């Protein structure tokens, strides 16, 4: 387990499941110029969160860990905006599935905001 974060495996699994939800959503987005653009964007940001979390677990220092966690937070926020675009453009098959993904995205953002705050606070000691 990382010396910087507790429950790493639970959060890692949650991020992997979130990335899978994004991949499954992208499969359903219509094959159009807009659909393909947004699909490419969200598959990059929505899957990078789980990949970057793996990097954060190997952080070389607390400063490096905080930086990597901030990158994950940035990607989560980008994914959230992309989900809102997909929602408003009605580029989805199941509204309930999309809303579930948006909710999970929002919860993950909250977790990472708190994690970054905690890591920053602990680094000043």
C-alpha atoms as a PDB file:
ATOM      1  CA  UNK A   1       0.000   0.000   0.000  1.00  0.00           C
ATOM      2  CA  UNK A   2       1.227   3.515  -0.757  1.00  0.00           C
ATOM      3  CA  UNK A   3       2.707   5.346   2.168  1.00  0.00           C
ATOM      4  CA  UNK A   4       0.698   8.398   1.078  1.00  0.00           C
ATOM      5  CA  UNK A   5      -2.837   7.016   0.841  1.00  0.00           C
ATOM      6  CA  UNK A   6      -4.961   4.537   2.764  1.00  0.00           C
ATOM      7  CA  UNK A   7      -7.497   2.228   1.089  1.00  0.00           C
ATOM      8  CA  UNK A   8      -5.569   2.420  -2.167  1.00  0.00           C
ATOM      9  CA  UNK A   9      -7.022  -0.812  -3.509  1.00  0.00           C
ATOM     10  CA  UNK A  10     -10.624   0.217  -2.894  1.00  0.00           C
ATOM     11  CA  UNK A  11     -10.109   3.540  -4.659  1.00  0.00           C
ATOM     12  CA  UNK A  12      -8.101   1.910  -7.430  1.00  0.00           C
ATOM     13  CA  UNK A  13     -10.933  -0.576  -8.041  1.00  0.00           C
ATOM     14  CA  UNK A  14     -13.476   2.246  -7.992  1.00  0.00           C
ATOM     15  CA  UNK A  15     -11.455   4.202 -10.563  1.00  0.00           C
ATOM     16  CA  UNK A  16     -11.102   1.121 -12.763  1.00  0.00           C
ATOM     17  CA  UNK A  17     -14.870   0.539 -12.598  1.00  0.00           C
ATOM     18  CA  UNK A  18     -15.427   4.204 -13.447  1.00  0.00           C
ATOM     19  CA  UNK A  19     -13.122   3.897 -16.469  1.00  0.00           C
ATOM     20  CA  UNK A  20     -15.063   0.811 -17.586  1.00  0.00           C
ATOM     21  CA  UNK A  21     -18.330   2.780 -17.289  1.00  0.00           C
ATOM     22  CA  UNK A  22     -16.814   5.464 -19.522  1.00  0.00           C
ATOM     23  CA  UNK A  23     -15.674   2.870 -22.076  1.00  0.00           C
ATOM     24  CA  UNK A  24     -19.139   1.281 -22.106  1.00  0.00           C
ATOM     25  CA  UNK A  25     -20.747   4.698 -22.585  1.00  0.00           C
ATOM     26  CA  UNK A  26     -18.436   5.539 -25.489  1.00  0.00           C
ATOM     27  CA  UNK A  27     -19.412   2.325 -27.283  1.00  0.00           C
ATOM     28  CA  UNK A  28     -22.995   3.635 -27.386  1.00  0.00           C
ATOM     29  CA  UNK A  29     -22.242   7.189 -28.555  1.00  0.00           C
ATOM     30  CA  UNK A  30     -23.355   7.702 -32.178  1.00  0.00           C
ATOM     31  CA  UNK A  31     -20.731   7.468 -34.895  1.00  0.00           C
ATOM     32  CA  UNK A  32     -20.810  11.100 -36.033  1.00  0.00           C
ATOM     33  CA  UNK A  33     -18.306  13.925 -36.204  1.00  0.00           C
ATOM     34  CA  UNK A  34     -19.394  15.273 -32.805  1.00  0.00           C
ATOM     35  CA  UNK A  35     -19.903  11.833 -31.291  1.00  0.00           C
ATOM     36  CA  UNK A  36     -16.449  10.686 -32.368  1.00  0.00           C
ATOM     37  CA  UNK A  37     -14.800  13.858 -31.089  1.00  0.00           C
ATOM     38  CA  UNK A  38     -16.437  13.686 -27.661  1.00  0.00           C
ATOM     39  CA  UNK A  39     -15.905   9.916 -27.475  1.00  0.00           C
ATOM     40  CA  UNK A  40     -12.191  10.308 -28.107  1.00  0.00           C
ATOM     41  CA  UNK A  41     -11.929  13.074 -25.545  1.00  0.00           C
ATOM     42  CA  UNK A  42     -13.830  11.300 -22.784  1.00  0.00           C
ATOM     43  CA  UNK A  43     -12.165   7.941 -23.322  1.00  0.00           C
ATOM     44  CA  UNK A  44      -8.778   9.642 -22.821  1.00  0.00           C
ATOM     45  CA  UNK A  45      -9.732  11.637 -19.727  1.00  0.00           C
ATOM     46  CA  UNK A  46     -12.050   8.994 -18.254  1.00  0.00           C
ATOM     47  CA  UNK A  47      -9.539   6.159 -18.471  1.00  0.00           C
ATOM     48  CA  UNK A  48      -6.479   8.211 -17.551  1.00  0.00           C
ATOM     49  CA  UNK A  49      -7.813   8.617 -14.003  1.00  0.00           C
ATOM     50  CA  UNK A  50      -7.269   4.951 -13.177  1.00  0.00           C
ATOM     51  CA  UNK A  51      -3.938   4.850 -15.012  1.00  0.00           C
ATOM     52  CA  UNK A  52      -2.663   7.997 -13.304  1.00  0.00           C
ATOM     53  CA  UNK A  53      -3.749   6.644  -9.935  1.00  0.00           C
ATOM     54  CA  UNK A  54      -1.363   3.757 -10.486  1.00  0.00           C
ATOM     55  CA  UNK A  55       1.392   6.305 -11.055  1.00  0.00           C
ATOM     56  CA  UNK A  56       0.429   8.198  -7.900  1.00  0.00           C
ATOM     57  CA  UNK A  57       0.919   5.017  -5.882  1.00  0.00           C
ATOM     58  CA  UNK A  58       4.544   5.000  -7.042  1.00  0.00           C
ATOM     59  CA  UNK A  59       5.141   8.657  -6.256  1.00  0.00           C
ATOM     60  CA  UNK A  60       8.746   9.464  -5.417  1.00  0.00           C
ATOM     61  CA  UNK A  61       7.830  12.076  -2.821  1.00  0.00           C
ATOM     62  CA  UNK A  62       4.810  13.681  -1.177  1.00  0.00           C
ATOM     63  CA  UNK A  63       5.162  16.594  -3.615  1.00  0.00           C
ATOM     64  CA  UNK A  64       5.128  14.168  -6.559  1.00  0.00           C
ATOM     65  CA  UNK A  65       2.122  12.366  -5.047  1.00  0.00           C
ATOM     66  CA  UNK A  66       0.197  15.647  -4.684  1.00  0.00           C
ATOM     67  CA  UNK A  67       1.039  16.586  -8.266  1.00  0.00           C
ATOM     68  CA  UNK A  68      -0.204  13.243  -9.607  1.00  0.00           C
ATOM     69  CA  UNK A  69      -3.381  13.484  -7.531  1.00  0.00           C
ATOM     70  CA  UNK A  70      -3.994  16.965  -8.978  1.00  0.00           C
ATOM     71  CA  UNK A  71      -3.599  15.528 -12.489  1.00  0.00           C
ATOM     72  CA  UNK A  72      -6.273  12.926 -11.665  1.00  0.00           C
ATOM     73  CA  UNK A  73      -8.558  15.669 -10.357  1.00  0.00           C
ATOM     74  CA  UNK A  74      -8.033  17.675 -13.553  1.00  0.00           C
ATOM     75  CA  UNK A  75      -8.910  14.644 -15.669  1.00  0.00           C
ATOM     76  CA  UNK A  76     -12.008  13.938 -13.569  1.00  0.00           C
ATOM     77  CA  UNK A  77     -13.196  17.521 -14.072  1.00  0.00           C
ATOM     78  CA  UNK A  78     -12.570  17.299 -17.810  1.00  0.00           C
ATOM     79  CA  UNK A  79     -14.521  14.043 -17.930  1.00  0.00           C
ATOM     80  CA  UNK A  80     -17.403  15.665 -16.031  1.00  0.00           C
ATOM     81  CA  UNK A  81     -17.671  18.520 -18.541  1.00  0.00           C
ATOM     82  CA  UNK A  82     -17.557  16.026 -21.405  1.00  0.00           C
ATOM     83  CA  UNK A  83     -20.349  14.002 -19.768  1.00  0.00           C
ATOM     84  CA  UNK A  84     -22.414  17.183 -19.549  1.00  0.00           C
ATOM     85  CA  UNK A  85     -21.826  17.853 -23.257  1.00  0.00           C
ATOM     86  CA  UNK A  86     -22.861  14.294 -24.137  1.00  0.00           C
ATOM     87  CA  UNK A  87     -25.943  14.724 -21.952  1.00  0.00           C
ATOM     88  CA  UNK A  88     -26.997  18.088 -23.399  1.00  0.00           C
ATOM     89  CA  UNK A  89     -26.400  16.902 -26.973  1.00  0.00           C
ATOM     90  CA  UNK A  90     -28.379  13.709 -26.209  1.00  0.00           C
ATOM     91  CA  UNK A  91     -25.553  11.471 -27.483  1.00  0.00           C
ATOM     92  CA  UNK A  92     -26.479   8.594 -25.165  1.00  0.00           C
ATOM     93  CA  UNK A  93     -28.825   5.610 -25.220  1.00  0.00           C
ATOM     94  CA  UNK A  94     -29.651   5.402 -21.527  1.00  0.00           C
ATOM     95  CA  UNK A  95     -30.207   8.567 -19.531  1.00  0.00           C
ATOM     96  CA  UNK A  96     -30.160   6.648 -16.242  1.00  0.00           C
ATOM     97  CA  UNK A  97     -26.773   5.113 -17.113  1.00  0.00           C
ATOM     98  CA  UNK A  98     -25.356   8.520 -18.021  1.00  0.00           C
ATOM     99  CA  UNK A  99     -26.690  10.079 -14.809  1.00  0.00           C
ATOM    100  CA  UNK A 100     -25.147   7.213 -12.795  1.00  0.00           C
ATOM    101  CA  UNK A 101     -21.768   7.902 -14.418  1.00  0.00           C
ATOM    102  CA  UNK A 102     -22.094  11.646 -13.777  1.00  0.00           C
ATOM    103  CA  UNK A 103     -22.903  10.956 -10.128  1.00  0.00           C
ATOM    104  CA  UNK A 104     -19.903   8.650  -9.723  1.00  0.00           C
ATOM    105  CA  UNK A 105     -17.701  11.232 -11.470  1.00  0.00           C
ATOM    106  CA  UNK A 106     -18.897  13.912  -9.069  1.00  0.00           C
ATOM    107  CA  UNK A 107     -18.239  11.684  -6.037  1.00  0.00           C
ATOM    108  CA  UNK A 108     -14.731  10.905  -7.302  1.00  0.00           C
ATOM    109  CA  UNK A 109     -14.052  14.623  -7.739  1.00  0.00           C
ATOM    110  CA  UNK A 110     -15.065  15.169  -4.106  1.00  0.00           C
ATOM    111  CA  UNK A 111     -12.800  12.338  -2.944  1.00  0.00           C
ATOM    112  CA  UNK A 112      -9.809  13.711  -4.830  1.00  0.00           C
ATOM    113  CA  UNK A 113     -10.398  17.292  -3.683  1.00  0.00           C
ATOM    114  CA  UNK A 114     -10.289  16.035  -0.085  1.00  0.00           C
ATOM    115  CA  UNK A 115      -7.298  13.774  -0.785  1.00  0.00           C
ATOM    116  CA  UNK A 116      -5.284  16.631  -2.260  1.00  0.00           C
ATOM    117  CA  UNK A 117      -6.228  18.906   0.659  1.00  0.00           C
ATOM    118  CA  UNK A 118      -5.239  16.232   3.168  1.00  0.00           C
ATOM    119  CA  UNK A 119      -1.943  15.467   1.425  1.00  0.00           C
ATOM    120  CA  UNK A 120      -1.091  19.180   1.276  1.00  0.00           C
ATOM    121  CA  UNK A 121      -1.967  19.638   4.942  1.00  0.00           C
ATOM    122  CA  UNK A 122       0.129  16.599   5.931  1.00  0.00           C
ATOM    123  CA  UNK A 123       3.085  17.775   3.854  1.00  0.00           C
ATOM    124  CA  UNK A 124       3.324  20.991   5.838  1.00  0.00           C
ATOM    125  CA  UNK A 125       3.996  19.046   9.065  1.00  0.00           C
END
